[in-house]
Amino acid sequence: MRRHVVAFGGGHGLAASLSALRHVTENVTAIVTVADDGGSSGRLRKQYDILPPGDLRMALAALCDDSEWGHLWRDVLQHRFGGEGELAGHAVGNLLIVGLWDLLGDSVHGLDLVGRLLGARGRVLPMAAVPLAIMAEVQGHDPALPDVTTLVRGQAAVAKTPGRVLSVRLDPPQPPACDEALTAVREADWVVLGPGSWFTSVMPHLLVPQLADALRDTAALRILTLNLEMQTSETQGYSAAHHLESLRAHAPDVNIDVVLADPQVVDDRADLEVHARRLGAELVVLPVARPEDPARHDPLRLAAAYRDIIG
């Protein structure tokens, strides 16, 4: 199938959708969040004032060619240095990407070259041309003050915050989108949002104004893939319906065509269908979790669900 599918996200959630989509089409573009400020990515970002490479690396690894060569370079990219020296904790792929950026002065060209090295089945692009910071309004960030709302800054801090995330925004508030990402969305047949950390991997794409406009105006059909775990540290107290409510609140002009949910997260189907319709979407409930590990998506089950929807 040659239909062009664009997948939004970051981290393990985007890797899960890409691992599935590669079974559905050979024409995949991943558009990746660039707000990570923790771990190896955070260290490199701070030291060199660059886009954080980690989520981009993971997306490239998920699209590697299904061959001995592709698997070898995937494993090289994902390998982390141990010990306690200056390289400890850094992923080889992060260093390779940063080295190419330094040599070429072009983030997109550098990512394309890593994709060629992997024989990647698709392309990986940043969602914005500059590194971003996530800021969240969190109720009960201080457990001793459960009714007080606090502004929490930084993806790593938001991802681990106690309390309830009420809303998120970006700094800078109107970052320039990656031009190639905008083109990909406009030319797509389907766009897939999620799964992934809700407020730090999924919502940020909708907060880049040019990207949100492209998503609103594209002729592509839009699939929202819900997470398998509703209540994480970012989404305490959230049901599937709450996730849809928050998406509508953050991006009221963006419609969704299909909401894909695993049966385990649907506690009230009629209510969830109502919330899906408010986004303009049909609710599709299909098993997409691993039978032996219900908290993780099964690539083949998710691929089958996407194939059924894309048709």
Protein backbone atom coordinates (compact mmCIF):
# COMPACT_ATOMS: atom_id res chain seq x y z
CA MET A 1 0.00 0.00 0.00
CA ARG A 2 1.45 3.40 -1.00
CA ARG A 3 -0.87 5.61 1.01
CA HIS A 4 1.07 8.31 2.80
CA VAL A 5 0.60 8.13 6.58
CA VAL A 6 1.94 10.78 8.95
CA ALA A 7 2.38 9.79 12.59
CA PHE A 8 2.60 12.38 15.41
CA GLY A 9 4.14 11.67 18.79
CA GLY A 10 7.33 10.97 20.66
CA GLY A 11 9.15 8.34 22.69
CA HIS A 12 7.82 4.82 23.16
CA GLY A 13 4.27 5.70 22.04
CA LEU A 14 5.39 6.92 18.62
CA ALA A 15 7.73 3.93 18.29
CA ALA A 16 4.71 1.66 18.88
CA SER A 17 2.62 3.31 16.16
CA LEU A 18 5.54 3.31 13.70
CA SER A 19 6.26 -0.37 14.38
CA ALA A 20 2.65 -1.06 13.41
CA LEU A 21 2.37 1.34 10.47
CA ARG A 22 5.43 -0.11 8.75
CA HIS A 23 3.30 -3.25 8.22
CA VAL A 24 0.55 -1.17 6.60
CA THR A 25 2.43 1.15 4.23
CA GLU A 26 5.96 1.88 3.08
CA ASN A 27 5.21 5.60 2.94
CA VAL A 28 5.38 6.76 6.57
CA THR A 29 6.51 10.11 7.93
CA ALA A 30 7.04 10.52 11.68
CA ILE A 31 6.69 14.04 13.09
CA VAL A 32 8.36 14.08 16.47
CA THR A 33 8.07 16.30 19.52
CA VAL A 34 11.18 18.33 20.38
CA ALA A 35 10.59 19.28 24.01
CA ASP A 36 12.56 16.55 25.81
CA ASP A 37 14.85 18.03 28.46
CA GLY A 38 15.82 14.94 30.46
CA GLY A 39 18.54 12.31 30.27
CA SER A 40 20.98 12.21 27.36
CA SER A 41 18.81 14.46 25.19
CA GLY A 42 18.55 17.07 27.91
CA ARG A 43 22.31 17.11 28.45
CA LEU A 44 23.06 17.50 24.74
CA ARG A 45 20.33 20.08 24.28
CA LYS A 46 21.69 22.20 27.12
CA GLN A 47 25.32 21.88 26.05
CA TYR A 48 24.84 22.61 22.34
CA ASP A 49 21.50 24.50 22.18
CA ILE A 50 20.04 22.01 19.72
CA LEU A 51 16.89 20.00 19.18
CA PRO A 52 16.77 17.08 21.63
CA PRO A 53 17.73 14.01 19.56
CA GLY A 54 16.36 11.15 21.68
CA ASP A 55 12.76 10.88 20.44
CA LEU A 56 13.96 11.40 16.86
CA ARG A 57 16.45 8.54 17.33
CA MET A 58 13.75 6.21 18.67
CA ALA A 59 11.50 6.95 15.69
CA LEU A 60 14.32 6.21 13.26
CA ALA A 61 15.08 2.94 15.05
CA ALA A 62 11.42 1.90 14.83
CA LEU A 63 11.49 2.38 11.04
CA CYS A 64 14.75 0.48 10.41
CA ASP A 65 14.92 -1.98 7.52
CA ASP A 66 13.90 -5.50 8.50
CA SER A 67 17.30 -6.97 7.62
CA GLU A 68 20.51 -7.91 9.40
CA TRP A 69 21.97 -4.54 8.36
CA GLY A 70 18.96 -2.56 9.54
CA HIS A 71 18.74 -4.40 12.86
CA LEU A 72 22.48 -3.96 13.48
CA TRP A 73 22.34 -0.20 13.01
CA ARG A 74 19.12 0.01 15.01
CA ASP A 75 20.91 -1.67 17.91
CA VAL A 76 23.92 0.64 17.48
CA LEU A 77 21.67 3.71 17.59
CA GLN A 78 19.89 2.47 20.72
CA HIS A 79 23.04 1.38 22.59
CA ARG A 80 23.79 3.42 25.71
CA PHE A 81 27.18 3.86 27.31
CA GLY A 82 27.48 2.57 30.85
CA GLY A 83 29.87 3.48 33.64
CA GLU A 84 30.28 6.85 35.29
CA GLY A 85 32.30 8.85 32.76
CA GLU A 86 31.19 11.76 30.58
CA LEU A 87 29.62 9.40 28.04
CA ALA A 88 27.64 7.46 30.65
CA GLY A 89 23.94 7.43 29.80
CA HIS A 90 24.36 8.77 26.29
CA ALA A 91 22.85 6.79 23.43
CA VAL A 92 25.18 6.27 20.46
CA GLY A 93 22.42 7.43 18.12
CA ASN A 94 22.04 10.71 19.97
CA LEU A 95 25.74 11.43 19.49
CA LEU A 96 25.63 10.42 15.83
CA ILE A 97 22.66 12.69 15.14
CA VAL A 98 24.24 15.64 16.95
CA GLY A 99 27.51 15.05 15.09
CA LEU A 100 25.72 15.13 11.72
CA TRP A 101 23.86 18.28 12.69
CA ASP A 102 27.14 19.94 13.66
CA LEU A 103 28.76 18.85 10.39
CA LEU A 104 25.88 19.68 8.06
CA GLY A 105 24.13 22.55 9.83
CA ASP A 106 20.78 21.06 8.75
CA SER A 107 18.67 18.99 11.16
CA VAL A 108 16.40 17.48 8.50
CA HIS A 109 19.27 16.46 6.20
CA GLY A 110 21.07 14.90 9.16
CA LEU A 111 18.02 12.81 10.08
CA ASP A 112 17.57 11.74 6.46
CA LEU A 113 21.18 10.49 6.38
CA VAL A 114 20.65 8.41 9.53
CA GLY A 115 17.51 7.04 7.89
CA ARG A 116 19.56 5.99 4.85
CA LEU A 117 22.06 4.27 7.13
CA LEU A 118 19.22 2.27 8.69
CA GLY A 119 17.43 1.64 5.41
CA ALA A 120 14.47 3.25 7.17
CA ARG A 121 10.98 2.56 5.85
CA GLY A 122 9.92 6.15 6.04
CA ARG A 123 11.10 9.57 7.12
CA VAL A 124 11.54 11.22 10.53
CA LEU A 125 11.07 14.98 11.00
CA PRO A 126 11.00 17.33 14.01
CA MET A 127 7.67 19.04 14.66
CA ALA A 128 9.35 22.43 15.17
CA ALA A 129 12.51 24.10 13.96
CA VAL A 130 13.60 25.13 17.47
CA PRO A 131 13.77 23.25 20.80
CA LEU A 132 10.68 23.76 22.94
CA ALA A 133 9.79 23.79 26.62
CA ILE A 134 6.53 22.39 27.95
CA MET A 135 4.78 24.28 30.72
CA ALA A 136 1.82 22.78 32.57
CA GLU A 137 -0.75 24.09 35.00
CA VAL A 138 -0.86 21.38 37.67
CA GLN A 139 -3.40 21.21 40.48
CA GLY A 140 -1.97 19.64 43.63
CA HIS A 141 1.66 19.65 42.49
CA ASP A 142 2.44 20.10 46.17
CA PRO A 143 0.58 17.21 47.89
CA ALA A 144 0.25 19.40 50.99
CA LEU A 145 -1.76 21.92 48.93
CA PRO A 146 -4.13 19.78 46.84
CA ASP A 147 -6.28 22.70 45.65
CA VAL A 148 -3.43 25.01 44.61
CA THR A 149 -2.44 25.26 40.94
CA THR A 150 1.28 25.45 40.11
CA LEU A 151 3.09 26.17 36.84
CA VAL A 152 5.51 23.30 36.18
CA ARG A 153 8.15 23.78 33.49
CA GLY A 154 9.97 21.13 31.48
CA GLN A 155 8.93 17.84 29.90
CA ALA A 156 10.75 15.69 32.44
CA ALA A 157 9.15 17.56 35.35
CA VAL A 158 5.65 17.48 33.82
CA ALA A 159 5.92 13.77 33.03
CA LYS A 160 6.62 12.96 36.68
CA THR A 161 4.53 15.59 38.41
CA PRO A 162 2.24 14.65 41.26
CA GLY A 163 -1.17 16.24 41.00
CA ARG A 164 -3.52 16.73 38.05
CA VAL A 165 -2.39 18.38 34.82
CA LEU A 166 -5.07 20.89 33.79
CA SER A 167 -3.47 22.32 30.66
CA VAL A 168 -0.18 22.64 28.83
CA ARG A 169 1.44 25.27 26.65
CA LEU A 170 4.74 25.76 24.85
CA ASP A 171 7.64 28.15 25.27
CA PRO A 172 8.12 29.84 22.86
CA PRO A 173 4.33 30.01 22.43
CA GLN A 174 4.40 30.30 18.61
CA PRO A 175 7.42 28.30 17.49
CA PRO A 176 8.22 27.94 13.79
CA ALA A 177 7.15 24.53 12.51
CA CYS A 178 9.47 22.37 10.44
CA ASP A 179 8.62 23.20 6.81
CA GLU A 180 8.99 19.59 5.68
CA ALA A 181 6.59 18.50 8.42
CA LEU A 182 3.95 20.96 7.21
CA THR A 183 4.31 19.65 3.67
CA ALA A 184 3.99 16.06 4.87
CA VAL A 185 0.73 16.80 6.71
CA ARG A 186 -0.74 18.62 3.73
CA GLU A 187 0.14 15.74 1.38
CA ALA A 188 -0.89 12.90 3.71
CA ASP A 189 -3.73 10.47 3.17
CA TRP A 190 -3.94 9.66 6.88
CA VAL A 191 -2.59 11.28 10.04
CA VAL A 192 -2.18 9.25 13.24
CA LEU A 193 -1.98 10.94 16.67
CA GLY A 194 -0.91 8.88 19.64
CA PRO A 195 -0.41 6.72 21.48
CA GLY A 196 2.03 8.36 23.86
CA SER A 197 2.44 10.42 26.99
CA TRP A 198 -0.65 12.56 26.67
CA PHE A 199 0.54 16.01 27.70
CA THR A 200 4.20 15.72 26.75
CA SER A 201 4.10 13.69 23.49
CA VAL A 202 0.62 14.01 21.96
CA MET A 203 -0.73 17.44 22.89
CA PRO A 204 2.43 19.47 22.00
CA HIS A 205 1.90 18.92 18.26
CA LEU A 206 -1.46 20.65 18.50
CA LEU A 207 0.15 23.67 20.20
CA VAL A 208 2.45 24.56 17.29
CA PRO A 209 0.14 26.97 15.43
CA GLN A 210 1.33 26.22 11.89
CA LEU A 211 1.18 22.47 12.53
CA ALA A 212 -2.29 22.67 14.08
CA ASP A 213 -3.48 24.71 11.07
CA ALA A 214 -2.04 22.12 8.68
CA LEU A 215 -3.73 19.34 10.61
CA ARG A 216 -7.03 21.24 10.55
CA ASP A 217 -6.85 22.00 6.82
CA THR A 218 -5.38 18.77 5.44
CA ALA A 219 -7.53 16.53 3.28
CA ALA A 220 -6.10 13.56 5.20
CA LEU A 221 -8.28 11.55 7.55
CA ARG A 222 -7.16 11.67 11.19
CA ILE A 223 -6.90 8.76 13.62
CA LEU A 224 -6.46 9.27 17.36
CA THR A 225 -5.01 6.17 19.04
CA LEU A 226 -5.79 6.15 22.75
CA ASN A 227 -3.30 4.90 25.31
CA LEU A 228 -3.65 1.56 27.05
CA GLU A 229 -3.07 3.11 30.48
CA MET A 230 -5.40 6.00 31.21
CA GLN A 231 -4.08 7.11 34.57
CA THR A 232 -0.36 7.83 34.41
CA SER A 233 1.56 10.43 36.38
CA GLU A 234 0.52 12.95 33.69
CA THR A 235 -3.14 11.93 33.61
CA GLN A 236 -4.12 11.11 37.18
CA GLY A 237 -7.88 10.67 37.44
CA TYR A 238 -8.35 10.73 33.66
CA SER A 239 -10.71 8.37 31.84
CA ALA A 240 -10.71 7.87 28.07
CA ALA A 241 -13.44 10.50 27.83
CA HIS A 242 -11.29 12.98 29.78
CA HIS A 243 -8.52 12.49 27.22
CA LEU A 244 -10.90 13.48 24.41
CA GLU A 245 -12.15 16.45 26.41
CA SER A 246 -8.60 17.73 26.92
CA LEU A 247 -7.79 17.38 23.22
CA ARG A 248 -10.88 19.41 22.33
CA ALA A 249 -9.94 22.05 24.90
CA HIS A 250 -6.38 22.40 23.61
CA ALA A 251 -7.22 22.28 19.88
CA PRO A 252 -10.89 23.24 19.40
CA ASP A 253 -10.49 23.75 15.62
CA VAL A 254 -8.98 20.32 14.93
CA ASN A 255 -11.38 17.51 14.12
CA ILE A 256 -10.66 13.79 14.39
CA ASP A 257 -12.19 11.19 12.06
CA VAL A 258 -11.55 7.98 14.02
CA VAL A 259 -10.83 7.34 17.70
CA LEU A 260 -9.19 3.92 18.14
CA ALA A 261 -9.50 2.39 21.61
CA ASP A 262 -8.65 -0.98 23.12
CA PRO A 263 -11.62 -2.58 24.94
CA GLN A 264 -9.80 -2.39 28.28
CA VAL A 265 -9.97 1.43 28.35
CA VAL A 266 -13.65 1.69 27.41
CA ASP A 267 -15.57 1.76 30.69
CA ASP A 268 -18.67 3.44 29.20
CA ARG A 269 -18.89 3.00 25.44
CA ALA A 270 -21.97 5.18 24.96
CA ASP A 271 -20.34 8.08 26.83
CA LEU A 272 -17.07 7.67 24.93
CA GLU A 273 -18.97 7.68 21.64
CA VAL A 274 -20.56 10.99 22.62
CA HIS A 275 -17.14 12.52 23.31
CA ALA A 276 -15.77 11.10 20.05
CA ARG A 277 -18.65 12.64 18.08
CA ARG A 278 -17.86 16.03 19.61
CA LEU A 279 -14.49 15.74 17.84
CA GLY A 280 -16.25 14.68 14.63
CA ALA A 281 -15.02 11.11 15.08
CA GLU A 282 -16.29 7.56 14.89
CA LEU A 283 -15.27 5.36 17.83
CA VAL A 284 -13.58 2.10 16.81
CA VAL A 285 -12.95 -0.43 19.59
CA LEU A 286 -10.47 -3.18 18.69
CA PRO A 287 -7.97 -5.24 20.73
CA VAL A 288 -4.53 -3.71 20.18
CA ALA A 289 -2.75 -4.65 23.44
CA ARG A 290 -0.29 -7.48 23.94
CA PRO A 291 -2.12 -10.40 25.59
CA GLU A 292 0.84 -11.05 27.87
CA ASP A 293 1.42 -7.36 28.66
CA PRO A 294 -1.81 -5.31 28.46
CA ALA A 295 0.04 -2.05 29.11
CA ARG A 296 1.89 -2.26 25.78
CA HIS A 297 0.62 -2.18 22.21
CA ASP A 298 1.07 -5.29 20.10
CA PRO A 299 2.59 -4.16 16.76
CA LEU A 300 0.71 -6.76 14.70
CA ARG A 301 -2.64 -6.18 16.41
CA LEU A 302 -2.21 -2.42 16.05
CA ALA A 303 -1.21 -2.88 12.40
CA ALA A 304 -4.34 -4.96 11.80
CA ALA A 305 -6.48 -2.25 13.40
CA TYR A 306 -4.88 0.47 11.26
CA ARG A 307 -5.34 -1.70 8.16
CA ASP A 308 -9.02 -2.19 8.97
CA ILE A 309 -9.49 1.56 9.41
CA ILE A 310 -7.38 2.74 6.49
CA GLY A 311 -8.83 -0.02 4.32
